[in-house]
Amino acid sequence: MALLKEKKEELVKNFAEHENDTGSCSVQVALLTERINNLTEHFKVHKKDFNSRVGLLRLVSQRKRLLSYLKRENTEKYRELTEKLKLKK
């Protein structure tokens, strides 16, 4: 369920804060969101894949922690990111 290199580069380019940015909070949230979306599609076909479901829950909790940090540090950037990624918050 890894992201394709092209898709990952596109996400980094869209959400990067500066030219060489690959690890900022917004980039990490965007990459996690893409992986979560891929896994939810996977579960529509493979309903009994419980080991991957544990990984999905881990990804969701990591994204939640990053979003709460971003909300605490920079509320405006948090709002922009949730609107771009169409996240409920």
Foldseek 3Di string as FASTA:
>chain_A
DADDPVVLVVLCVVQPPDDPDCDDLLSLLSRLLVVLVVVVVVCVVVVPPVVVVVVSVVSVVVSVVSLVVCCVVPVVVSVVSCVVSVHDD
